[in-house]
N, C-alpha and C. Protein backbone atom coordinates (compact mmCIF):
# COMPACT_ATOMS: atom_id res chain seq x y z
N MET A 1 0.85 -1.19 0.00
CA MET A 1 0.00 0.00 0.00
C MET A 1 0.88 1.25 0.00
N PRO A 2 1.14 1.83 -1.17
CA PRO A 2 2.07 2.97 -1.26
C PRO A 2 1.71 4.11 -0.34
N GLY A 3 0.39 4.43 -0.23
CA GLY A 3 -0.01 5.55 0.62
C GLY A 3 0.34 5.32 2.07
N LEU A 4 0.06 4.11 2.55
CA LEU A 4 0.38 3.78 3.94
C LEU A 4 1.87 3.82 4.16
N ARG A 5 2.63 3.32 3.18
CA ARG A 5 4.09 3.32 3.33
C ARG A 5 4.61 4.75 3.46
N CYS A 6 4.07 5.67 2.67
CA CYS A 6 4.51 7.07 2.76
C CYS A 6 4.24 7.65 4.13
N VAL A 7 3.05 7.31 4.70
CA VAL A 7 2.71 7.81 6.03
C VAL A 7 3.68 7.26 7.06
N LEU A 8 3.98 5.95 6.96
CA LEU A 8 4.89 5.34 7.92
C LEU A 8 6.29 5.93 7.80
N LEU A 9 6.72 6.19 6.55
CA LEU A 9 8.03 6.81 6.36
C LEU A 9 8.07 8.20 6.97
N LEU A 10 6.98 8.94 6.80
CA LEU A 10 6.91 10.28 7.35
C LEU A 10 7.01 10.25 8.86
N VAL A 11 6.25 9.34 9.50
CA VAL A 11 6.31 9.22 10.96
C VAL A 11 7.70 8.84 11.40
N GLY A 12 8.31 7.91 10.68
CA GLY A 12 9.67 7.49 11.04
C GLY A 12 10.65 8.62 10.95
N PHE A 13 10.49 9.45 9.92
CA PHE A 13 11.42 10.56 9.75
C PHE A 13 11.25 11.58 10.87
N VAL A 14 10.01 11.88 11.23
CA VAL A 14 9.77 12.85 12.30
C VAL A 14 10.35 12.35 13.61
N LEU A 15 10.12 11.07 13.91
CA LEU A 15 10.65 10.51 15.16
C LEU A 15 12.16 10.52 15.16
N ALA A 16 12.75 10.14 14.03
CA ALA A 16 14.21 10.10 13.96
C ALA A 16 14.78 11.49 14.02
N GLY A 17 14.16 12.42 13.31
CA GLY A 17 14.67 13.79 13.28
C GLY A 17 14.52 14.50 14.59
N ALA A 18 13.55 14.08 15.39
CA ALA A 18 13.29 14.77 16.65
C ALA A 18 14.10 14.22 17.81
N CYS A 19 14.93 13.22 17.54
CA CYS A 19 15.64 12.58 18.64
C CYS A 19 16.67 13.50 19.27
N GLU A 20 17.09 14.53 18.56
CA GLU A 20 18.04 15.50 19.13
C GLU A 20 17.67 16.86 18.63
N SER A 21 17.16 17.70 19.49
CA SER A 21 16.72 19.02 19.07
C SER A 21 17.86 20.01 19.14
N PRO A 22 17.95 20.91 18.13
CA PRO A 22 18.99 21.92 18.17
C PRO A 22 18.76 22.89 19.31
N SER A 23 19.84 23.36 19.91
CA SER A 23 19.71 24.30 21.00
C SER A 23 19.37 25.68 20.48
N SER A 24 18.80 26.49 21.31
CA SER A 24 18.35 27.82 20.87
C SER A 24 19.48 28.82 20.78
N ASN A 25 20.62 28.54 21.43
CA ASN A 25 21.69 29.54 21.43
C ASN A 25 22.67 29.38 20.28
N GLY A 26 22.45 28.38 19.43
CA GLY A 26 23.28 28.22 18.25
C GLY A 26 24.60 27.55 18.50
N ALA A 27 24.92 27.19 19.72
CA ALA A 27 26.20 26.53 20.01
C ALA A 27 26.16 25.09 19.55
N PRO A 28 27.24 24.60 18.92
CA PRO A 28 27.28 23.22 18.46
C PRO A 28 27.56 22.27 19.61
N PRO A 29 27.36 20.95 19.39
CA PRO A 29 27.76 20.00 20.42
C PRO A 29 29.24 20.16 20.73
N ARG A 30 29.66 19.79 21.91
CA ARG A 30 31.05 20.01 22.34
C ARG A 30 32.05 19.36 21.40
N ASP A 31 31.68 18.22 20.81
CA ASP A 31 32.65 17.50 19.99
C ASP A 31 32.47 17.77 18.50
N GLU A 32 31.66 18.77 18.14
CA GLU A 32 31.32 18.95 16.73
C GLU A 32 32.54 19.26 15.88
N LEU A 33 33.41 20.15 16.36
CA LEU A 33 34.60 20.46 15.57
C LEU A 33 35.59 19.32 15.56
N ALA A 34 35.51 18.43 16.54
CA ALA A 34 36.43 17.30 16.59
C ALA A 34 36.06 16.26 15.55
N ARG A 35 34.81 16.27 15.07
CA ARG A 35 34.39 15.31 14.07
C ARG A 35 34.83 15.82 12.71
N SER A 36 36.06 15.55 12.35
CA SER A 36 36.61 16.15 11.14
C SER A 36 36.16 15.42 9.89
N GLY A 37 35.46 14.31 10.02
CA GLY A 37 34.97 13.62 8.84
C GLY A 37 35.73 12.37 8.51
N SER A 38 36.62 11.93 9.36
CA SER A 38 37.28 10.66 9.14
C SER A 38 37.72 10.09 10.47
N VAL A 39 37.96 8.79 10.49
CA VAL A 39 38.40 8.16 11.73
C VAL A 39 39.75 8.73 12.14
N THR A 40 40.63 8.97 11.16
CA THR A 40 41.88 9.66 11.43
C THR A 40 41.67 11.13 11.12
N ALA A 41 41.63 11.96 12.15
CA ALA A 41 41.27 13.36 11.97
C ALA A 41 42.27 14.10 11.10
N ALA A 42 41.74 14.94 10.21
CA ALA A 42 42.60 15.80 9.41
C ALA A 42 43.17 16.87 10.33
N PRO A 43 44.38 17.39 10.00
CA PRO A 43 44.98 18.42 10.85
C PRO A 43 44.07 19.62 11.02
N GLN A 44 43.99 20.14 12.25
CA GLN A 44 43.12 21.27 12.54
C GLN A 44 43.56 22.55 11.81
N SER A 45 44.79 22.56 11.32
CA SER A 45 45.30 23.73 10.62
C SER A 45 44.81 23.81 9.17
N GLN A 46 44.23 22.73 8.68
CA GLN A 46 43.77 22.73 7.29
C GLN A 46 42.48 23.52 7.14
N PRO A 47 42.29 24.18 5.99
CA PRO A 47 41.03 24.89 5.75
C PRO A 47 39.87 23.90 5.73
N ALA A 48 38.67 24.40 6.00
CA ALA A 48 37.55 23.50 6.25
C ALA A 48 36.46 23.54 5.21
N LEU A 49 35.89 22.35 4.98
CA LEU A 49 34.60 22.20 4.32
C LEU A 49 33.60 21.93 5.43
N VAL A 50 32.58 22.75 5.55
CA VAL A 50 31.60 22.59 6.62
C VAL A 50 30.29 22.08 6.05
N PHE A 51 29.88 20.89 6.51
CA PHE A 51 28.60 20.31 6.11
C PHE A 51 27.57 20.68 7.15
N LEU A 52 26.77 21.70 6.85
CA LEU A 52 25.75 22.18 7.78
C LEU A 52 24.44 21.49 7.44
N GLY A 53 24.02 20.56 8.31
CA GLY A 53 22.84 19.79 7.97
C GLY A 53 22.12 19.22 9.17
N ASP A 54 21.30 18.21 8.89
CA ASP A 54 20.51 17.55 9.92
C ASP A 54 21.00 16.11 10.11
N SER A 55 20.09 15.19 10.43
CA SER A 55 20.49 13.81 10.72
C SER A 55 21.10 13.11 9.52
N LEU A 56 20.74 13.50 8.31
CA LEU A 56 21.31 12.89 7.12
C LEU A 56 22.80 13.24 7.00
N THR A 57 23.15 14.42 7.43
CA THR A 57 24.56 14.83 7.47
C THR A 57 25.26 14.24 8.68
N ALA A 58 24.59 14.31 9.82
CA ALA A 58 25.20 13.84 11.08
C ALA A 58 25.53 12.36 11.02
N GLY A 59 24.76 11.59 10.23
CA GLY A 59 25.01 10.16 10.14
C GLY A 59 24.26 9.37 11.19
N LEU A 60 23.00 9.71 11.41
CA LEU A 60 22.19 9.01 12.40
C LEU A 60 22.20 7.51 12.13
N GLY A 61 22.54 6.73 13.15
CA GLY A 61 22.56 5.28 13.03
C GLY A 61 23.84 4.72 12.45
N LEU A 62 24.79 5.58 12.10
CA LEU A 62 26.06 5.15 11.53
C LEU A 62 27.21 5.45 12.48
N SER A 63 28.33 4.82 12.25
CA SER A 63 29.52 5.17 13.01
C SER A 63 30.07 6.49 12.48
N GLU A 64 30.96 7.10 13.23
CA GLU A 64 31.54 8.38 12.81
C GLU A 64 32.19 8.27 11.44
N GLY A 65 32.88 7.18 11.21
CA GLY A 65 33.60 7.01 9.95
C GLY A 65 32.71 6.68 8.77
N GLU A 66 31.43 6.34 9.03
CA GLU A 66 30.51 6.01 7.95
C GLU A 66 29.65 7.18 7.51
N ALA A 67 29.63 8.25 8.31
CA ALA A 67 28.80 9.40 8.01
C ALA A 67 29.30 10.11 6.75
N LEU A 68 28.42 10.85 6.11
CA LEU A 68 28.73 11.53 4.86
C LEU A 68 30.01 12.37 4.91
N PRO A 69 30.19 13.26 5.91
CA PRO A 69 31.42 14.06 5.93
C PRO A 69 32.68 13.21 6.01
N ALA A 70 32.59 12.05 6.66
CA ALA A 70 33.75 11.16 6.73
C ALA A 70 34.07 10.57 5.37
N ARG A 71 33.03 10.25 4.60
CA ARG A 71 33.25 9.71 3.26
C ARG A 71 33.86 10.77 2.35
N ILE A 72 33.50 12.02 2.56
CA ILE A 72 34.11 13.10 1.78
C ILE A 72 35.57 13.29 2.22
N GLN A 73 35.82 13.17 3.53
CA GLN A 73 37.19 13.30 4.01
C GLN A 73 38.10 12.24 3.38
N ALA A 74 37.57 11.03 3.24
CA ALA A 74 38.36 9.96 2.63
C ALA A 74 38.76 10.33 1.21
N ARG A 75 37.87 10.98 0.49
CA ARG A 75 38.17 11.40 -0.88
C ARG A 75 39.17 12.55 -0.90
N LEU A 76 39.01 13.49 0.03
CA LEU A 76 39.97 14.59 0.14
C LEU A 76 41.37 14.07 0.41
N ASP A 77 41.46 13.11 1.33
CA ASP A 77 42.76 12.54 1.69
C ASP A 77 43.37 11.77 0.53
N ALA A 78 42.53 11.03 -0.17
CA ALA A 78 43.03 10.21 -1.28
C ALA A 78 43.65 11.07 -2.37
N GLU A 79 43.14 12.29 -2.54
CA GLU A 79 43.67 13.19 -3.56
C GLU A 79 44.61 14.25 -2.99
N HIS A 80 44.92 14.12 -1.68
CA HIS A 80 45.85 15.04 -1.02
C HIS A 80 45.46 16.49 -1.25
N LEU A 81 44.18 16.79 -1.04
CA LEU A 81 43.67 18.13 -1.32
C LEU A 81 43.85 19.11 -0.17
N GLY A 82 44.18 18.62 1.01
CA GLY A 82 44.53 19.52 2.10
C GLY A 82 43.37 20.24 2.75
N TYR A 83 42.19 19.63 2.77
CA TYR A 83 41.05 20.19 3.47
C TYR A 83 40.62 19.24 4.58
N ARG A 84 39.92 19.78 5.59
CA ARG A 84 39.27 18.93 6.58
C ARG A 84 37.77 19.10 6.44
N SER A 85 37.07 18.00 6.57
CA SER A 85 35.62 17.97 6.41
C SER A 85 34.97 17.98 7.79
N ILE A 86 34.24 19.02 8.09
CA ILE A 86 33.62 19.16 9.41
C ILE A 86 32.16 18.73 9.36
N ASN A 87 31.80 17.80 10.22
CA ASN A 87 30.43 17.33 10.32
C ASN A 87 29.65 18.27 11.23
N ALA A 88 28.94 19.20 10.62
CA ALA A 88 28.10 20.15 11.36
C ALA A 88 26.63 19.76 11.22
N GLY A 89 26.38 18.45 11.21
CA GLY A 89 25.03 17.96 11.15
C GLY A 89 24.45 17.78 12.54
N ARG A 90 23.19 18.10 12.70
CA ARG A 90 22.51 17.93 13.98
C ARG A 90 21.12 17.38 13.73
N SER A 91 20.83 16.22 14.32
CA SER A 91 19.53 15.58 14.10
C SER A 91 18.39 16.49 14.54
N GLY A 92 17.38 16.57 13.69
CA GLY A 92 16.21 17.38 13.99
C GLY A 92 16.34 18.83 13.61
N ASP A 93 17.49 19.24 13.07
CA ASP A 93 17.69 20.66 12.80
C ASP A 93 16.88 21.13 11.60
N THR A 94 16.51 22.39 11.65
CA THR A 94 15.76 23.06 10.58
C THR A 94 16.64 24.14 9.97
N THR A 95 16.13 24.82 8.96
CA THR A 95 16.89 25.93 8.39
C THR A 95 17.07 27.05 9.40
N ALA A 96 16.08 27.25 10.28
CA ALA A 96 16.23 28.27 11.33
C ALA A 96 17.36 27.88 12.27
N GLY A 97 17.47 26.59 12.58
CA GLY A 97 18.58 26.13 13.41
C GLY A 97 19.92 26.35 12.73
N GLY A 98 19.94 26.17 11.41
CA GLY A 98 21.17 26.41 10.66
C GLY A 98 21.60 27.86 10.74
N VAL A 99 20.65 28.77 10.62
CA VAL A 99 20.96 30.20 10.76
C VAL A 99 21.53 30.47 12.15
N ALA A 100 20.93 29.86 13.17
CA ALA A 100 21.37 30.10 14.55
C ALA A 100 22.77 29.56 14.81
N ARG A 101 23.15 28.48 14.13
CA ARG A 101 24.44 27.85 14.39
C ARG A 101 25.56 28.32 13.48
N LEU A 102 25.21 28.98 12.39
CA LEU A 102 26.19 29.25 11.34
C LEU A 102 27.38 30.09 11.81
N ASP A 103 27.15 31.11 12.62
CA ASP A 103 28.23 32.01 13.02
C ASP A 103 29.39 31.29 13.70
N TRP A 104 29.09 30.17 14.35
CA TRP A 104 30.14 29.39 15.03
C TRP A 104 31.26 29.02 14.07
N TYR A 105 30.92 28.80 12.82
CA TYR A 105 31.89 28.31 11.83
C TYR A 105 32.61 29.42 11.09
N PHE A 106 32.32 30.66 11.46
CA PHE A 106 33.04 31.78 10.89
C PHE A 106 34.28 32.14 11.69
N ARG A 107 34.51 31.44 12.78
CA ARG A 107 35.69 31.74 13.60
C ARG A 107 36.96 31.48 12.80
N ASP A 108 38.00 32.25 13.10
CA ASP A 108 39.27 32.12 12.39
C ASP A 108 39.85 30.72 12.52
N SER A 109 39.63 30.08 13.66
CA SER A 109 40.21 28.75 13.89
C SER A 109 39.59 27.68 12.99
N VAL A 110 38.41 27.95 12.46
CA VAL A 110 37.76 27.00 11.56
C VAL A 110 38.30 27.16 10.14
N ASP A 111 38.51 28.39 9.69
CA ASP A 111 38.98 28.69 8.34
C ASP A 111 38.05 28.07 7.29
N LEU A 112 36.79 28.47 7.33
CA LEU A 112 35.79 27.95 6.42
C LEU A 112 36.09 28.38 4.99
N ARG A 113 36.22 27.41 4.10
CA ARG A 113 36.44 27.69 2.68
C ARG A 113 35.28 27.25 1.80
N VAL A 114 34.56 26.22 2.28
CA VAL A 114 33.41 25.71 1.53
C VAL A 114 32.29 25.41 2.51
N LEU A 115 31.09 25.92 2.22
CA LEU A 115 29.91 25.62 3.03
C LEU A 115 28.94 24.81 2.19
N ILE A 116 28.55 23.63 2.70
CA ILE A 116 27.58 22.78 2.03
C ILE A 116 26.33 22.75 2.90
N ILE A 117 25.24 23.32 2.41
CA ILE A 117 23.99 23.43 3.18
C ILE A 117 23.07 22.27 2.82
N GLY A 118 22.76 21.46 3.80
CA GLY A 118 21.86 20.32 3.61
C GLY A 118 20.70 20.36 4.58
N LEU A 119 19.98 21.46 4.59
CA LEU A 119 18.88 21.66 5.53
C LEU A 119 17.57 21.93 4.79
N GLY A 120 16.47 21.59 5.45
CA GLY A 120 15.15 21.83 4.87
C GLY A 120 14.21 20.66 5.06
N SER A 121 14.75 19.45 5.24
CA SER A 121 13.89 18.28 5.41
C SER A 121 12.98 18.40 6.62
N ASN A 122 13.54 18.84 7.73
CA ASN A 122 12.74 18.94 8.95
C ASN A 122 11.75 20.10 8.91
N ASP A 123 12.04 21.12 8.11
CA ASP A 123 11.06 22.19 7.92
C ASP A 123 9.78 21.60 7.33
N ALA A 124 9.94 20.74 6.31
CA ALA A 124 8.78 20.13 5.68
C ALA A 124 8.08 19.17 6.63
N MET A 125 8.87 18.35 7.33
CA MET A 125 8.28 17.35 8.22
C MET A 125 7.48 18.00 9.36
N ARG A 126 7.88 19.19 9.73
CA ARG A 126 7.19 19.90 10.82
C ARG A 126 6.13 20.87 10.30
N GLY A 127 5.97 20.89 8.98
CA GLY A 127 4.95 21.75 8.41
C GLY A 127 5.26 23.23 8.54
N LEU A 128 6.54 23.58 8.56
CA LEU A 128 6.93 24.98 8.71
C LEU A 128 6.75 25.72 7.39
N SER A 129 6.69 27.01 7.48
CA SER A 129 6.45 27.85 6.32
C SER A 129 7.56 27.71 5.28
N LEU A 130 7.17 27.48 4.03
CA LEU A 130 8.16 27.41 2.97
C LEU A 130 8.78 28.78 2.71
N GLU A 131 8.00 29.82 2.92
CA GLU A 131 8.54 31.18 2.77
C GLU A 131 9.64 31.43 3.79
N ALA A 132 9.42 30.97 5.03
CA ALA A 132 10.43 31.13 6.07
C ALA A 132 11.64 30.27 5.77
N MET A 133 11.42 29.06 5.27
CA MET A 133 12.54 28.18 4.92
C MET A 133 13.40 28.82 3.84
N GLU A 134 12.76 29.37 2.82
CA GLU A 134 13.52 30.01 1.76
C GLU A 134 14.28 31.23 2.28
N ALA A 135 13.64 32.00 3.14
CA ALA A 135 14.31 33.17 3.72
C ALA A 135 15.52 32.74 4.54
N ASN A 136 15.41 31.63 5.26
CA ASN A 136 16.52 31.14 6.07
C ASN A 136 17.68 30.68 5.19
N LEU A 137 17.38 30.00 4.11
CA LEU A 137 18.43 29.57 3.19
C LEU A 137 19.16 30.78 2.63
N ARG A 138 18.41 31.78 2.24
CA ARG A 138 19.02 33.00 1.70
C ARG A 138 19.85 33.73 2.76
N GLU A 139 19.38 33.70 4.00
CA GLU A 139 20.11 34.35 5.07
C GLU A 139 21.44 33.65 5.33
N MET A 140 21.45 32.33 5.28
CA MET A 140 22.72 31.60 5.47
C MET A 140 23.71 31.96 4.37
N ILE A 141 23.22 32.07 3.16
CA ILE A 141 24.09 32.43 2.03
C ILE A 141 24.57 33.87 2.18
N ARG A 142 23.65 34.78 2.50
CA ARG A 142 24.01 36.20 2.66
C ARG A 142 25.05 36.37 3.76
N ARG A 143 24.83 35.72 4.88
CA ARG A 143 25.72 35.88 6.02
C ARG A 143 27.10 35.29 5.73
N THR A 144 27.13 34.18 5.01
CA THR A 144 28.42 33.58 4.65
C THR A 144 29.20 34.50 3.73
N ARG A 145 28.53 35.08 2.78
CA ARG A 145 29.21 35.99 1.84
C ARG A 145 29.71 37.24 2.56
N GLU A 146 28.99 37.64 3.57
CA GLU A 146 29.40 38.82 4.32
C GLU A 146 30.63 38.53 5.17
N ARG A 147 30.64 37.37 5.82
CA ARG A 147 31.73 37.03 6.74
C ARG A 147 32.90 36.32 6.07
N LYS A 148 32.59 35.51 5.05
CA LYS A 148 33.62 34.73 4.35
C LYS A 148 33.40 34.89 2.84
N PRO A 149 33.70 36.07 2.31
CA PRO A 149 33.37 36.36 0.91
C PRO A 149 34.03 35.46 -0.11
N GLU A 150 35.13 34.82 0.24
CA GLU A 150 35.82 33.95 -0.71
C GLU A 150 35.33 32.51 -0.64
N ALA A 151 34.47 32.20 0.31
CA ALA A 151 34.03 30.81 0.49
C ALA A 151 33.10 30.38 -0.64
N LYS A 152 33.24 29.12 -1.04
CA LYS A 152 32.31 28.51 -1.98
C LYS A 152 31.07 28.07 -1.20
N ILE A 153 29.91 28.15 -1.82
CA ILE A 153 28.66 27.75 -1.16
C ILE A 153 27.92 26.78 -2.08
N LEU A 154 27.53 25.64 -1.52
CA LEU A 154 26.77 24.64 -2.25
C LEU A 154 25.49 24.35 -1.48
N LEU A 155 24.41 24.08 -2.20
CA LEU A 155 23.10 23.85 -1.60
C LEU A 155 22.53 22.54 -2.11
N TRP A 156 22.12 21.67 -1.15
CA TRP A 156 21.45 20.43 -1.53
C TRP A 156 20.09 20.73 -2.13
N GLU A 157 19.72 20.00 -3.16
CA GLU A 157 18.34 19.97 -3.64
C GLU A 157 17.61 18.90 -2.84
N LEU A 158 16.45 19.23 -2.30
CA LEU A 158 15.71 18.28 -1.47
C LEU A 158 14.31 18.06 -2.03
N ARG A 159 13.73 16.93 -1.65
CA ARG A 159 12.36 16.59 -2.00
C ARG A 159 11.63 16.18 -0.73
N THR A 160 10.31 16.19 -0.80
CA THR A 160 9.53 15.76 0.34
C THR A 160 8.63 14.60 -0.07
N PHE A 161 7.88 14.06 0.88
CA PHE A 161 7.08 12.87 0.64
C PHE A 161 5.80 13.19 -0.13
N PRO A 162 5.34 12.26 -0.98
CA PRO A 162 4.13 12.50 -1.77
C PRO A 162 2.90 12.79 -0.92
N ASN A 163 2.84 12.19 0.27
CA ASN A 163 1.63 12.37 1.08
C ASN A 163 1.54 13.77 1.70
N MET A 164 2.55 14.61 1.47
CA MET A 164 2.44 16.00 1.89
C MET A 164 1.53 16.78 0.94
N GLY A 165 1.18 16.13 -0.17
CA GLY A 165 0.33 16.79 -1.15
C GLY A 165 1.13 17.22 -2.36
N ARG A 166 0.57 17.02 -3.53
CA ARG A 166 1.31 17.32 -4.77
C ARG A 166 1.67 18.80 -4.87
N GLU A 167 0.73 19.65 -4.51
CA GLU A 167 0.98 21.09 -4.61
C GLU A 167 2.10 21.52 -3.66
N TYR A 168 2.03 21.02 -2.41
CA TYR A 168 3.07 21.37 -1.43
C TYR A 168 4.43 20.83 -1.88
N ALA A 169 4.45 19.58 -2.34
CA ALA A 169 5.71 18.97 -2.76
C ALA A 169 6.35 19.75 -3.89
N ALA A 170 5.53 20.18 -4.85
CA ALA A 170 6.06 20.95 -5.98
C ALA A 170 6.61 22.29 -5.52
N ALA A 171 5.89 22.94 -4.61
CA ALA A 171 6.34 24.24 -4.10
C ALA A 171 7.63 24.08 -3.30
N TYR A 172 7.70 23.00 -2.53
CA TYR A 172 8.89 22.73 -1.71
C TYR A 172 10.11 22.49 -2.60
N GLU A 173 9.95 21.62 -3.58
CA GLU A 173 11.07 21.26 -4.43
C GLU A 173 11.55 22.44 -5.27
N ALA A 174 10.66 23.38 -5.54
CA ALA A 174 11.04 24.54 -6.36
C ALA A 174 11.92 25.53 -5.61
N VAL A 175 11.90 25.46 -4.28
CA VAL A 175 12.65 26.43 -3.48
C VAL A 175 14.15 26.34 -3.75
N PHE A 176 14.69 25.12 -3.79
CA PHE A 176 16.15 24.95 -3.82
C PHE A 176 16.78 25.41 -5.14
N PRO A 177 16.27 25.00 -6.30
CA PRO A 177 16.86 25.56 -7.54
C PRO A 177 16.65 27.05 -7.67
N ARG A 178 15.51 27.56 -7.17
CA ARG A 178 15.26 29.00 -7.24
C ARG A 178 16.28 29.78 -6.41
N VAL A 179 16.54 29.30 -5.20
CA VAL A 179 17.53 29.96 -4.35
C VAL A 179 18.92 29.86 -4.97
N ALA A 180 19.27 28.67 -5.44
CA ALA A 180 20.60 28.48 -6.02
C ALA A 180 20.82 29.39 -7.22
N GLU A 181 19.81 29.51 -8.08
CA GLU A 181 19.95 30.33 -9.28
C GLU A 181 20.04 31.81 -8.93
N SER A 182 19.14 32.28 -8.08
CA SER A 182 19.10 33.71 -7.80
C SER A 182 20.26 34.16 -6.93
N GLU A 183 20.75 33.26 -6.06
CA GLU A 183 21.87 33.61 -5.18
C GLU A 183 23.22 33.24 -5.77
N LYS A 184 23.20 32.64 -6.94
CA LYS A 184 24.44 32.25 -7.65
C LYS A 184 25.31 31.32 -6.80
N VAL A 185 24.67 30.27 -6.26
CA VAL A 185 25.41 29.23 -5.56
C VAL A 185 25.23 27.93 -6.32
N THR A 186 26.08 26.97 -6.03
CA THR A 186 26.05 25.69 -6.74
C THR A 186 25.00 24.76 -6.16
N LEU A 187 24.10 24.27 -7.00
CA LEU A 187 23.07 23.33 -6.57
C LEU A 187 23.58 21.91 -6.71
N ILE A 188 23.42 21.12 -5.66
CA ILE A 188 23.75 19.70 -5.70
C ILE A 188 22.46 18.94 -5.98
N PRO A 189 22.32 18.33 -7.15
CA PRO A 189 21.09 17.60 -7.45
C PRO A 189 20.80 16.56 -6.36
N PHE A 190 19.51 16.39 -6.06
CA PHE A 190 19.02 15.54 -4.98
C PHE A 190 20.00 14.42 -4.62
N PRO A 191 20.73 14.55 -3.51
CA PRO A 191 21.79 13.58 -3.18
C PRO A 191 21.29 12.16 -2.92
N LEU A 192 20.01 12.04 -2.56
CA LEU A 192 19.46 10.73 -2.24
C LEU A 192 18.81 10.06 -3.44
N GLU A 193 19.06 10.57 -4.62
CA GLU A 193 18.42 10.06 -5.84
C GLU A 193 18.55 8.54 -5.97
N ASP A 194 19.73 8.01 -5.72
CA ASP A 194 19.98 6.58 -5.90
C ASP A 194 19.75 5.77 -4.63
N VAL A 195 19.26 6.43 -3.58
CA VAL A 195 19.12 5.77 -2.27
C VAL A 195 17.68 5.75 -1.78
N ALA A 196 16.99 6.86 -1.90
CA ALA A 196 15.60 6.94 -1.43
C ALA A 196 14.74 5.92 -2.15
N GLY A 197 13.94 5.19 -1.38
CA GLY A 197 13.05 4.19 -1.97
C GLY A 197 13.71 2.85 -2.22
N HIS A 198 14.98 2.70 -1.85
CA HIS A 198 15.69 1.43 -1.98
C HIS A 198 15.91 0.85 -0.58
N PRO A 199 15.05 -0.08 -0.14
CA PRO A 199 15.13 -0.58 1.24
C PRO A 199 16.50 -1.11 1.63
N GLU A 200 17.20 -1.72 0.68
CA GLU A 200 18.50 -2.31 0.99
C GLU A 200 19.56 -1.25 1.27
N LEU A 201 19.29 0.00 0.94
CA LEU A 201 20.26 1.08 1.16
C LEU A 201 19.86 2.00 2.31
N ASN A 202 18.77 1.63 3.00
CA ASN A 202 18.29 2.44 4.12
C ASN A 202 18.17 1.61 5.38
N GLN A 203 18.25 2.30 6.50
CA GLN A 203 18.10 1.64 7.78
C GLN A 203 16.63 1.27 8.00
N ASN A 204 16.34 0.68 9.13
CA ASN A 204 14.99 0.17 9.38
C ASN A 204 13.92 1.25 9.35
N ASP A 205 14.30 2.51 9.59
CA ASP A 205 13.29 3.57 9.54
C ASP A 205 12.88 3.92 8.12
N GLY A 206 13.61 3.38 7.14
CA GLY A 206 13.28 3.64 5.74
C GLY A 206 13.68 5.02 5.27
N ILE A 207 14.38 5.78 6.09
CA ILE A 207 14.72 7.16 5.77
C ILE A 207 16.22 7.39 5.73
N HIS A 208 16.90 6.97 6.77
CA HIS A 208 18.33 7.26 6.89
C HIS A 208 19.17 6.18 6.23
N PRO A 209 20.12 6.57 5.40
CA PRO A 209 20.91 5.60 4.65
C PRO A 209 21.75 4.70 5.55
N THR A 210 21.98 3.49 5.06
CA THR A 210 22.97 2.61 5.65
C THR A 210 24.35 3.12 5.26
N ALA A 211 25.40 2.44 5.70
CA ALA A 211 26.75 2.84 5.32
C ALA A 211 26.91 2.80 3.79
N GLU A 212 26.33 1.78 3.16
CA GLU A 212 26.41 1.68 1.71
C GLU A 212 25.63 2.81 1.05
N GLY A 213 24.47 3.13 1.62
CA GLY A 213 23.68 4.23 1.08
C GLY A 213 24.40 5.56 1.24
N ALA A 214 25.03 5.77 2.39
CA ALA A 214 25.77 7.01 2.64
C ALA A 214 26.92 7.16 1.65
N GLU A 215 27.52 6.05 1.27
CA GLU A 215 28.60 6.10 0.29
C GLU A 215 28.08 6.56 -1.06
N LYS A 216 26.89 6.12 -1.42
CA LYS A 216 26.30 6.55 -2.69
C LYS A 216 25.94 8.04 -2.64
N VAL A 217 25.44 8.49 -1.50
CA VAL A 217 25.15 9.92 -1.34
C VAL A 217 26.44 10.73 -1.47
N ALA A 218 27.49 10.25 -0.82
CA ALA A 218 28.78 10.94 -0.88
C ALA A 218 29.29 11.03 -2.32
N ALA A 219 29.10 9.97 -3.09
CA ALA A 219 29.56 9.97 -4.48
C ALA A 219 28.84 11.04 -5.30
N ARG A 220 27.54 11.20 -5.09
CA ARG A 220 26.79 12.21 -5.83
C ARG A 220 27.23 13.62 -5.43
N ILE A 221 27.46 13.82 -4.15
CA ILE A 221 27.91 15.13 -3.68
C ILE A 221 29.32 15.43 -4.17
N TRP A 222 30.18 14.44 -4.11
CA TRP A 222 31.56 14.63 -4.53
C TRP A 222 31.65 15.02 -6.01
N ALA A 223 30.80 14.46 -6.84
CA ALA A 223 30.82 14.77 -8.26
C ALA A 223 30.61 16.27 -8.51
N VAL A 224 29.84 16.92 -7.64
CA VAL A 224 29.60 18.36 -7.78
C VAL A 224 30.62 19.17 -6.99
N LEU A 225 31.00 18.65 -5.84
CA LEU A 225 31.92 19.37 -4.94
C LEU A 225 33.35 19.41 -5.48
N ARG A 226 33.83 18.30 -6.02
CA ARG A 226 35.24 18.20 -6.42
C ARG A 226 35.69 19.32 -7.37
N PRO A 227 34.92 19.69 -8.38
CA PRO A 227 35.36 20.76 -9.28
C PRO A 227 35.45 22.13 -8.60
N GLN A 228 34.84 22.27 -7.41
CA GLN A 228 34.87 23.54 -6.69
C GLN A 228 36.15 23.72 -5.88
N LEU A 229 36.90 22.64 -5.69
CA LEU A 229 38.05 22.68 -4.79
C LEU A 229 39.33 23.03 -5.54
């Protein structure tokens, strides 16, 4: 029953996303900067790629080394590119949470060179305003350009579940390419394209990728990210 499956997936996503709520003061978890994206941490002196996202970025249900930023770090190391990949994912986070947390990564000690924004899923799951979500995405881009004008900015393209309604889904999906085009940032085509809807690549909740699924997501992101470095 496709309709029932969509409802169950939606409930699973809300429960999974709500397991860790972002704090109101914008401070990251104590170990957030320590999660450089690989089991063997990249030197703290290296310039940073910051993955600002939710549970899909954080790697809910995966080990530290299996999460998306870790898979990107492995590619950076393999090509000796001299960057560290920072996992700034927080389960349950929204675009408003991203705005609240972003300034932390403008510190000189971080040396942010690339910002990858992967937020918006929880806005849809919580039924938050799409206008507010779009404004938050634009604010993150505006603020980054103001504080780190040389930084590259990439934005995930996201989709929502069919049971949210066709009209809502279309309006939601239109936000990301519209923001990317008007703000002149690089759009990453839906990173879960080869993973969503494939049970063997997702955990039991049907939403969050397995280690194999995360590797496929990393490959799609890397194809767009690599030319920017």
